[in-house]
Amino acid sequence: MFSQEESKKIRQEFWTSFGKEYPHKWLLYNTKIKEIQLKFTFDRKVAQVSLDIIDQDEMIRAYYFEKLQSLLTVLKEEYLPVAQLEKDYQLPEGKMISRLYVEKDRVSIHNKKDWPEVKKFLAENMFKLEEFFEDFKDYIKD
């Protein structure tokens, strides 16, 4: 078990080392669609790469969710075969979003032995998610 301070230090160490190994300018919050963000998540249970629809207005979330749902076949066939799409995805803090994601389970940010595998997973899948987003952002936006 790690203290909060130790856990924070480990998370910082992971993300710093990830940035050095993969010095790519990730799209993340700069999607040009304010309701959509691309995200990396790595905690004590899972690693995820996701496209999040973050608007609290359910109608707006539903609009973007339907757009992504209509692209799911092409996403799985050409970019991320194991992608999952959830209309109602609850974040740990209780906020409800919609999320398209790929996940690696049974890994922990506290276990440095998991880091090389997770870094590769995060980078490879975010490259594919960014490519998908760039290819279809005009459709998603309109």
N, C-alpha and C. Protein backbone atom coordinates (compact mmCIF):
# COMPACT_ATOMS: atom_id res chain seq x y z
N MET A 1 0.85 -1.18 0.00
CA MET A 1 0.00 0.00 0.00
C MET A 1 0.89 1.24 0.00
N PHE A 2 0.49 2.21 -0.80
CA PHE A 2 1.26 3.43 -0.92
C PHE A 2 0.50 4.60 -0.30
N SER A 3 1.25 5.52 0.28
CA SER A 3 0.63 6.73 0.78
C SER A 3 0.20 7.57 -0.42
N GLN A 4 -0.64 8.56 -0.18
CA GLN A 4 -1.08 9.45 -1.26
C GLN A 4 0.11 10.13 -1.92
N GLU A 5 1.04 10.56 -1.13
CA GLU A 5 2.23 11.26 -1.64
C GLU A 5 3.09 10.32 -2.48
N GLU A 6 3.29 9.09 -2.00
CA GLU A 6 4.07 8.10 -2.77
C GLU A 6 3.38 7.77 -4.09
N SER A 7 2.06 7.60 -4.03
CA SER A 7 1.28 7.30 -5.22
C SER A 7 1.38 8.43 -6.24
N LYS A 8 1.29 9.65 -5.77
CA LYS A 8 1.40 10.82 -6.65
C LYS A 8 2.77 10.85 -7.33
N LYS A 9 3.81 10.57 -6.57
CA LYS A 9 5.17 10.57 -7.10
C LYS A 9 5.35 9.48 -8.17
N ILE A 10 4.79 8.31 -7.92
CA ILE A 10 4.86 7.21 -8.88
C ILE A 10 4.12 7.59 -10.17
N ARG A 11 2.92 8.18 -10.05
CA ARG A 11 2.17 8.60 -11.24
C ARG A 11 2.96 9.63 -12.04
N GLN A 12 3.55 10.61 -11.35
CA GLN A 12 4.36 11.62 -12.04
C GLN A 12 5.55 10.97 -12.75
N GLU A 13 6.18 10.03 -12.09
CA GLU A 13 7.33 9.34 -12.68
C GLU A 13 6.92 8.57 -13.94
N PHE A 14 5.76 7.90 -13.86
CA PHE A 14 5.29 7.16 -15.04
C PHE A 14 5.05 8.11 -16.21
N TRP A 15 4.26 9.17 -15.99
CA TRP A 15 3.88 10.06 -17.10
C TRP A 15 5.08 10.83 -17.64
N THR A 16 6.05 11.15 -16.79
CA THR A 16 7.27 11.81 -17.27
C THR A 16 8.06 10.84 -18.15
N SER A 17 8.20 9.61 -17.71
CA SER A 17 8.96 8.63 -18.51
C SER A 17 8.21 8.30 -19.80
N PHE A 18 6.89 8.26 -19.75
CA PHE A 18 6.11 8.01 -20.96
C PHE A 18 6.34 9.13 -21.98
N GLY A 19 6.31 10.37 -21.52
CA GLY A 19 6.53 11.51 -22.39
C GLY A 19 7.92 11.51 -23.01
N LYS A 20 8.91 11.04 -22.27
CA LYS A 20 10.27 10.97 -22.81
C LYS A 20 10.40 9.85 -23.84
N GLU A 21 9.74 8.72 -23.60
CA GLU A 21 9.81 7.59 -24.54
C GLU A 21 8.97 7.82 -25.79
N TYR A 22 7.89 8.54 -25.64
CA TYR A 22 6.97 8.82 -26.76
C TYR A 22 6.75 10.33 -26.85
N PRO A 23 7.75 11.06 -27.36
CA PRO A 23 7.68 12.53 -27.38
C PRO A 23 6.81 13.07 -28.53
N HIS A 24 5.63 12.54 -28.65
CA HIS A 24 4.68 12.94 -29.68
C HIS A 24 3.77 14.03 -29.12
N LYS A 25 3.37 14.98 -29.94
CA LYS A 25 2.40 15.99 -29.49
C LYS A 25 1.01 15.40 -29.65
N TRP A 26 0.51 14.82 -28.58
CA TRP A 26 -0.79 14.14 -28.62
C TRP A 26 -1.91 15.16 -28.77
N LEU A 27 -2.96 14.77 -29.43
CA LEU A 27 -4.12 15.63 -29.67
C LEU A 27 -4.86 15.94 -28.36
N LEU A 28 -5.22 14.95 -27.61
CA LEU A 28 -5.88 15.03 -26.31
C LEU A 28 -7.01 16.05 -26.24
N TYR A 29 -6.78 17.21 -25.62
CA TYR A 29 -7.84 18.20 -25.42
C TYR A 29 -8.01 19.13 -26.62
N ASN A 30 -7.10 19.06 -27.58
CA ASN A 30 -7.12 19.97 -28.72
C ASN A 30 -7.85 19.39 -29.93
N THR A 31 -9.03 18.87 -29.70
CA THR A 31 -9.79 18.23 -30.77
C THR A 31 -10.54 19.24 -31.64
N LYS A 32 -10.64 20.46 -31.19
CA LYS A 32 -11.42 21.51 -31.88
C LYS A 32 -12.93 21.26 -31.78
N ILE A 33 -13.31 20.29 -30.94
CA ILE A 33 -14.72 20.05 -30.61
C ILE A 33 -14.76 20.07 -29.08
N LYS A 34 -15.35 21.11 -28.51
CA LYS A 34 -15.22 21.31 -27.06
C LYS A 34 -15.82 20.18 -26.23
N GLU A 35 -16.75 19.43 -26.81
CA GLU A 35 -17.40 18.35 -26.05
C GLU A 35 -16.61 17.04 -26.11
N ILE A 36 -15.54 17.00 -26.90
CA ILE A 36 -14.81 15.75 -27.10
C ILE A 36 -13.34 15.91 -26.72
N GLN A 37 -12.85 14.92 -25.95
CA GLN A 37 -11.44 14.88 -25.56
C GLN A 37 -10.92 13.46 -25.80
N LEU A 38 -9.65 13.37 -26.14
CA LEU A 38 -8.97 12.09 -26.19
C LEU A 38 -8.16 11.99 -24.89
N LYS A 39 -8.15 10.80 -24.29
CA LYS A 39 -7.52 10.69 -22.97
C LYS A 39 -6.71 9.42 -22.80
N PHE A 40 -5.67 9.56 -21.99
CA PHE A 40 -4.93 8.42 -21.46
C PHE A 40 -5.40 8.24 -20.02
N THR A 41 -5.59 6.99 -19.60
CA THR A 41 -5.89 6.69 -18.20
C THR A 41 -5.03 5.50 -17.80
N PHE A 42 -4.38 5.60 -16.67
CA PHE A 42 -3.63 4.47 -16.12
C PHE A 42 -3.71 4.60 -14.61
N ASP A 43 -4.32 3.62 -13.96
CA ASP A 43 -4.45 3.67 -12.51
C ASP A 43 -4.00 2.34 -11.91
N ARG A 44 -4.57 1.96 -10.79
CA ARG A 44 -4.14 0.74 -10.11
C ARG A 44 -4.79 -0.53 -10.66
N LYS A 45 -5.72 -0.38 -11.64
CA LYS A 45 -6.42 -1.55 -12.15
C LYS A 45 -6.36 -1.70 -13.66
N VAL A 46 -6.39 -0.57 -14.39
CA VAL A 46 -6.48 -0.62 -15.85
C VAL A 46 -5.69 0.52 -16.50
N ALA A 47 -5.41 0.29 -17.79
CA ALA A 47 -4.90 1.35 -18.64
C ALA A 47 -5.91 1.50 -19.76
N GLN A 48 -6.23 2.74 -20.12
CA GLN A 48 -7.21 3.01 -21.17
C GLN A 48 -6.74 4.14 -22.07
N VAL A 49 -7.15 4.03 -23.32
CA VAL A 49 -7.07 5.13 -24.27
C VAL A 49 -8.52 5.36 -24.67
N SER A 50 -8.97 6.61 -24.60
CA SER A 50 -10.40 6.85 -24.83
C SER A 50 -10.67 8.14 -25.57
N LEU A 51 -11.84 8.15 -26.18
CA LEU A 51 -12.44 9.36 -26.73
C LEU A 51 -13.65 9.60 -25.85
N ASP A 52 -13.64 10.72 -25.14
CA ASP A 52 -14.70 11.02 -24.18
C ASP A 52 -15.60 12.14 -24.68
N ILE A 53 -16.89 11.91 -24.57
CA ILE A 53 -17.89 12.96 -24.83
C ILE A 53 -18.27 13.47 -23.45
N ILE A 54 -17.83 14.69 -23.15
CA ILE A 54 -17.86 15.16 -21.77
C ILE A 54 -19.00 16.12 -21.44
N ASP A 55 -19.80 16.51 -22.41
CA ASP A 55 -20.86 17.49 -22.15
C ASP A 55 -21.88 16.92 -21.18
N GLN A 56 -22.33 17.73 -20.24
CA GLN A 56 -23.32 17.28 -19.26
C GLN A 56 -24.74 17.26 -19.82
N ASP A 57 -24.96 17.95 -20.93
CA ASP A 57 -26.26 17.94 -21.60
C ASP A 57 -26.43 16.59 -22.30
N GLU A 58 -27.42 15.82 -21.86
CA GLU A 58 -27.62 14.48 -22.40
C GLU A 58 -27.95 14.49 -23.90
N MET A 59 -28.62 15.54 -24.37
CA MET A 59 -28.95 15.63 -25.80
C MET A 59 -27.68 15.80 -26.64
N ILE A 60 -26.77 16.61 -26.18
CA ILE A 60 -25.51 16.81 -26.90
C ILE A 60 -24.68 15.53 -26.87
N ARG A 61 -24.62 14.91 -25.70
CA ARG A 61 -23.89 13.64 -25.60
C ARG A 61 -24.50 12.60 -26.53
N ALA A 62 -25.82 12.52 -26.58
CA ALA A 62 -26.51 11.55 -27.44
C ALA A 62 -26.20 11.82 -28.91
N TYR A 63 -26.14 13.08 -29.29
CA TYR A 63 -25.83 13.45 -30.68
C TYR A 63 -24.46 12.90 -31.09
N TYR A 64 -23.43 13.16 -30.29
CA TYR A 64 -22.09 12.69 -30.61
C TYR A 64 -21.99 11.17 -30.47
N PHE A 65 -22.68 10.61 -29.49
CA PHE A 65 -22.66 9.15 -29.31
C PHE A 65 -23.21 8.46 -30.56
N GLU A 66 -24.31 8.97 -31.09
CA GLU A 66 -24.89 8.36 -32.30
C GLU A 66 -23.93 8.46 -33.48
N LYS A 67 -23.20 9.56 -33.58
CA LYS A 67 -22.19 9.70 -34.64
C LYS A 67 -21.13 8.61 -34.48
N LEU A 68 -20.63 8.43 -33.27
CA LEU A 68 -19.62 7.41 -33.04
C LEU A 68 -20.17 6.01 -33.27
N GLN A 69 -21.40 5.80 -32.85
CA GLN A 69 -22.03 4.50 -33.03
C GLN A 69 -22.12 4.15 -34.52
N SER A 70 -22.40 5.14 -35.36
CA SER A 70 -22.51 4.89 -36.79
C SER A 70 -21.14 4.58 -37.41
N LEU A 71 -20.06 4.93 -36.73
CA LEU A 71 -18.71 4.68 -37.23
C LEU A 71 -18.06 3.45 -36.59
N LEU A 72 -18.78 2.77 -35.71
CA LEU A 72 -18.19 1.69 -34.93
C LEU A 72 -17.64 0.56 -35.79
N THR A 73 -18.34 0.20 -36.85
CA THR A 73 -17.87 -0.89 -37.71
C THR A 73 -16.54 -0.53 -38.35
N VAL A 74 -16.45 0.64 -38.93
CA VAL A 74 -15.19 1.05 -39.57
C VAL A 74 -14.08 1.22 -38.53
N LEU A 75 -14.42 1.72 -37.35
CA LEU A 75 -13.44 1.86 -36.28
C LEU A 75 -12.84 0.50 -35.93
N LYS A 76 -13.71 -0.50 -35.76
CA LYS A 76 -13.24 -1.83 -35.37
C LYS A 76 -12.51 -2.56 -36.50
N GLU A 77 -12.95 -2.34 -37.73
CA GLU A 77 -12.32 -3.03 -38.86
C GLU A 77 -10.98 -2.42 -39.25
N GLU A 78 -10.84 -1.10 -39.12
CA GLU A 78 -9.66 -0.44 -39.66
C GLU A 78 -8.72 0.18 -38.62
N TYR A 79 -9.18 0.36 -37.39
CA TYR A 79 -8.35 1.08 -36.42
C TYR A 79 -8.16 0.30 -35.11
N LEU A 80 -9.24 0.09 -34.39
CA LEU A 80 -9.16 -0.51 -33.05
C LEU A 80 -10.17 -1.66 -32.92
N PRO A 81 -9.76 -2.87 -33.27
CA PRO A 81 -10.69 -4.01 -33.29
C PRO A 81 -11.40 -4.31 -31.97
N VAL A 82 -10.78 -3.97 -30.85
CA VAL A 82 -11.39 -4.30 -29.56
C VAL A 82 -12.00 -3.08 -28.86
N ALA A 83 -12.26 -2.04 -29.62
CA ALA A 83 -12.84 -0.82 -29.04
C ALA A 83 -14.22 -1.11 -28.45
N GLN A 84 -14.51 -0.43 -27.35
CA GLN A 84 -15.82 -0.53 -26.70
C GLN A 84 -16.43 0.87 -26.69
N LEU A 85 -17.75 0.91 -26.78
CA LEU A 85 -18.47 2.18 -26.79
C LEU A 85 -19.55 2.11 -25.72
N GLU A 86 -19.51 3.04 -24.78
CA GLU A 86 -20.51 3.08 -23.71
C GLU A 86 -21.18 4.44 -23.67
N LYS A 87 -22.50 4.42 -23.76
CA LYS A 87 -23.27 5.67 -23.73
C LYS A 87 -23.21 6.32 -22.35
N ASP A 88 -23.34 5.52 -21.31
CA ASP A 88 -23.32 6.03 -19.94
C ASP A 88 -22.13 5.41 -19.20
N TYR A 89 -21.06 6.16 -19.16
CA TYR A 89 -19.83 5.70 -18.51
C TYR A 89 -19.59 6.61 -17.31
N GLN A 90 -19.57 6.02 -16.12
CA GLN A 90 -19.39 6.82 -14.91
C GLN A 90 -17.92 6.88 -14.53
N LEU A 91 -17.42 8.11 -14.40
CA LEU A 91 -16.04 8.32 -13.96
C LEU A 91 -15.95 8.10 -12.45
N PRO A 92 -14.74 7.85 -11.93
CA PRO A 92 -14.60 7.60 -10.48
C PRO A 92 -15.19 8.70 -9.60
N GLU A 93 -15.15 9.95 -10.08
CA GLU A 93 -15.70 11.05 -9.28
C GLU A 93 -17.21 11.19 -9.40
N GLY A 94 -17.84 10.26 -10.16
CA GLY A 94 -19.30 10.25 -10.27
C GLY A 94 -19.85 10.92 -11.52
N LYS A 95 -19.04 11.66 -12.25
CA LYS A 95 -19.51 12.35 -13.45
C LYS A 95 -19.86 11.32 -14.54
N MET A 96 -20.96 11.58 -15.25
CA MET A 96 -21.41 10.68 -16.32
C MET A 96 -20.97 11.27 -17.66
N ILE A 97 -20.31 10.43 -18.47
CA ILE A 97 -19.88 10.80 -19.81
C ILE A 97 -20.24 9.66 -20.76
N SER A 98 -19.97 9.85 -22.04
CA SER A 98 -20.00 8.75 -23.00
C SER A 98 -18.56 8.50 -23.39
N ARG A 99 -18.19 7.23 -23.58
CA ARG A 99 -16.78 6.91 -23.81
C ARG A 99 -16.62 5.80 -24.84
N LEU A 100 -15.72 6.06 -25.78
CA LEU A 100 -15.24 5.05 -26.71
C LEU A 100 -13.82 4.74 -26.23
N TYR A 101 -13.51 3.46 -26.00
CA TYR A 101 -12.21 3.17 -25.39
C TYR A 101 -11.68 1.78 -25.73
N VAL A 102 -10.38 1.64 -25.54
CA VAL A 102 -9.72 0.34 -25.50
C VAL A 102 -9.05 0.26 -24.14
N GLU A 103 -8.99 -0.96 -23.62
CA GLU A 103 -8.56 -1.12 -22.23
C GLU A 103 -7.62 -2.31 -22.08
N LYS A 104 -6.68 -2.15 -21.20
CA LYS A 104 -5.79 -3.23 -20.78
C LYS A 104 -6.01 -3.39 -19.28
N ASP A 105 -6.52 -4.54 -18.89
CA ASP A 105 -6.79 -4.72 -17.46
C ASP A 105 -5.68 -5.53 -16.80
N ARG A 106 -5.79 -5.65 -15.50
CA ARG A 106 -4.82 -6.35 -14.66
C ARG A 106 -3.41 -5.75 -14.77
N VAL A 107 -3.37 -4.43 -14.83
CA VAL A 107 -2.10 -3.70 -14.76
C VAL A 107 -2.26 -2.62 -13.70
N SER A 108 -1.14 -2.20 -13.15
CA SER A 108 -1.19 -1.18 -12.10
C SER A 108 -0.07 -0.17 -12.30
N ILE A 109 -0.42 1.08 -12.16
CA ILE A 109 0.59 2.13 -12.26
C ILE A 109 1.61 2.01 -11.14
N HIS A 110 1.25 1.34 -10.05
CA HIS A 110 2.17 1.14 -8.93
C HIS A 110 3.16 0.01 -9.18
N ASN A 111 2.94 -0.80 -10.21
CA ASN A 111 3.83 -1.91 -10.51
C ASN A 111 4.71 -1.54 -11.71
N LYS A 112 5.94 -1.18 -11.44
CA LYS A 112 6.84 -0.72 -12.51
C LYS A 112 7.12 -1.80 -13.55
N LYS A 113 6.90 -3.06 -13.20
CA LYS A 113 7.06 -4.14 -14.18
C LYS A 113 6.01 -4.04 -15.29
N ASP A 114 4.87 -3.42 -15.01
CA ASP A 114 3.81 -3.24 -16.01
C ASP A 114 4.09 -2.07 -16.96
N TRP A 115 4.97 -1.18 -16.57
CA TRP A 115 5.15 0.06 -17.31
C TRP A 115 5.52 -0.10 -18.78
N PRO A 116 6.53 -0.93 -19.13
CA PRO A 116 6.89 -1.03 -20.55
C PRO A 116 5.71 -1.48 -21.44
N GLU A 117 5.00 -2.48 -20.96
CA GLU A 117 3.84 -3.01 -21.69
C GLU A 117 2.74 -1.96 -21.81
N VAL A 118 2.49 -1.22 -20.74
CA VAL A 118 1.43 -0.21 -20.74
C VAL A 118 1.81 0.98 -21.62
N LYS A 119 3.06 1.41 -21.55
CA LYS A 119 3.49 2.52 -22.40
C LYS A 119 3.27 2.18 -23.87
N LYS A 120 3.66 0.98 -24.26
CA LYS A 120 3.48 0.55 -25.64
C LYS A 120 1.99 0.50 -26.00
N PHE A 121 1.17 -0.05 -25.11
CA PHE A 121 -0.28 -0.13 -25.30
C PHE A 121 -0.87 1.28 -25.49
N LEU A 122 -0.51 2.19 -24.59
CA LEU A 122 -1.06 3.55 -24.66
C LEU A 122 -0.67 4.24 -25.96
N ALA A 123 0.61 4.19 -26.29
CA ALA A 123 1.08 4.89 -27.49
C ALA A 123 0.46 4.31 -28.76
N GLU A 124 0.52 2.99 -28.92
CA GLU A 124 -0.01 2.36 -30.14
C GLU A 124 -1.49 2.65 -30.32
N ASN A 125 -2.24 2.55 -29.25
CA ASN A 125 -3.69 2.75 -29.36
C ASN A 125 -4.07 4.21 -29.51
N MET A 126 -3.32 5.12 -28.90
CA MET A 126 -3.64 6.54 -29.07
C MET A 126 -3.29 6.98 -30.50
N PHE A 127 -2.21 6.45 -31.06
CA PHE A 127 -1.90 6.76 -32.46
C PHE A 127 -3.07 6.36 -33.35
N LYS A 128 -3.62 5.17 -33.12
CA LYS A 128 -4.75 4.69 -33.92
C LYS A 128 -6.01 5.51 -33.66
N LEU A 129 -6.26 5.85 -32.41
CA LEU A 129 -7.44 6.65 -32.08
C LEU A 129 -7.34 8.05 -32.68
N GLU A 130 -6.16 8.65 -32.61
CA GLU A 130 -5.97 9.96 -33.23
C GLU A 130 -6.17 9.88 -34.75
N GLU A 131 -5.66 8.82 -35.37
CA GLU A 131 -5.83 8.66 -36.81
C GLU A 131 -7.32 8.54 -37.16
N PHE A 132 -8.04 7.73 -36.41
CA PHE A 132 -9.49 7.60 -36.61
C PHE A 132 -10.17 8.95 -36.46
N PHE A 133 -9.85 9.65 -35.38
CA PHE A 133 -10.48 10.94 -35.12
C PHE A 133 -10.19 11.94 -36.24
N GLU A 134 -8.95 12.02 -36.67
CA GLU A 134 -8.58 12.94 -37.75
C GLU A 134 -9.32 12.58 -39.05
N ASP A 135 -9.44 11.29 -39.33
CA ASP A 135 -10.11 10.85 -40.56
C ASP A 135 -11.61 11.17 -40.56
N PHE A 136 -12.23 11.20 -39.37
CA PHE A 136 -13.69 11.35 -39.29
C PHE A 136 -14.16 12.57 -38.51
N LYS A 137 -13.26 13.47 -38.12
CA LYS A 137 -13.68 14.59 -37.28
C LYS A 137 -14.69 15.51 -37.97
N ASP A 138 -14.57 15.69 -39.29
CA ASP A 138 -15.54 16.54 -39.99
C ASP A 138 -16.93 15.93 -39.90
N TYR A 139 -17.03 14.63 -40.04
CA TYR A 139 -18.32 13.93 -39.92
C TYR A 139 -18.84 14.03 -38.48
N ILE A 140 -17.97 13.82 -37.51
CA ILE A 140 -18.38 13.87 -36.11
C ILE A 140 -18.85 15.27 -35.74
N LYS A 141 -18.15 16.27 -36.24
CA LYS A 141 -18.44 17.66 -35.89
C LYS A 141 -19.76 18.16 -36.48
N ASP A 142 -20.05 17.78 -37.74
CA ASP A 142 -21.24 18.29 -38.43
C ASP A 142 -22.52 17.63 -37.95
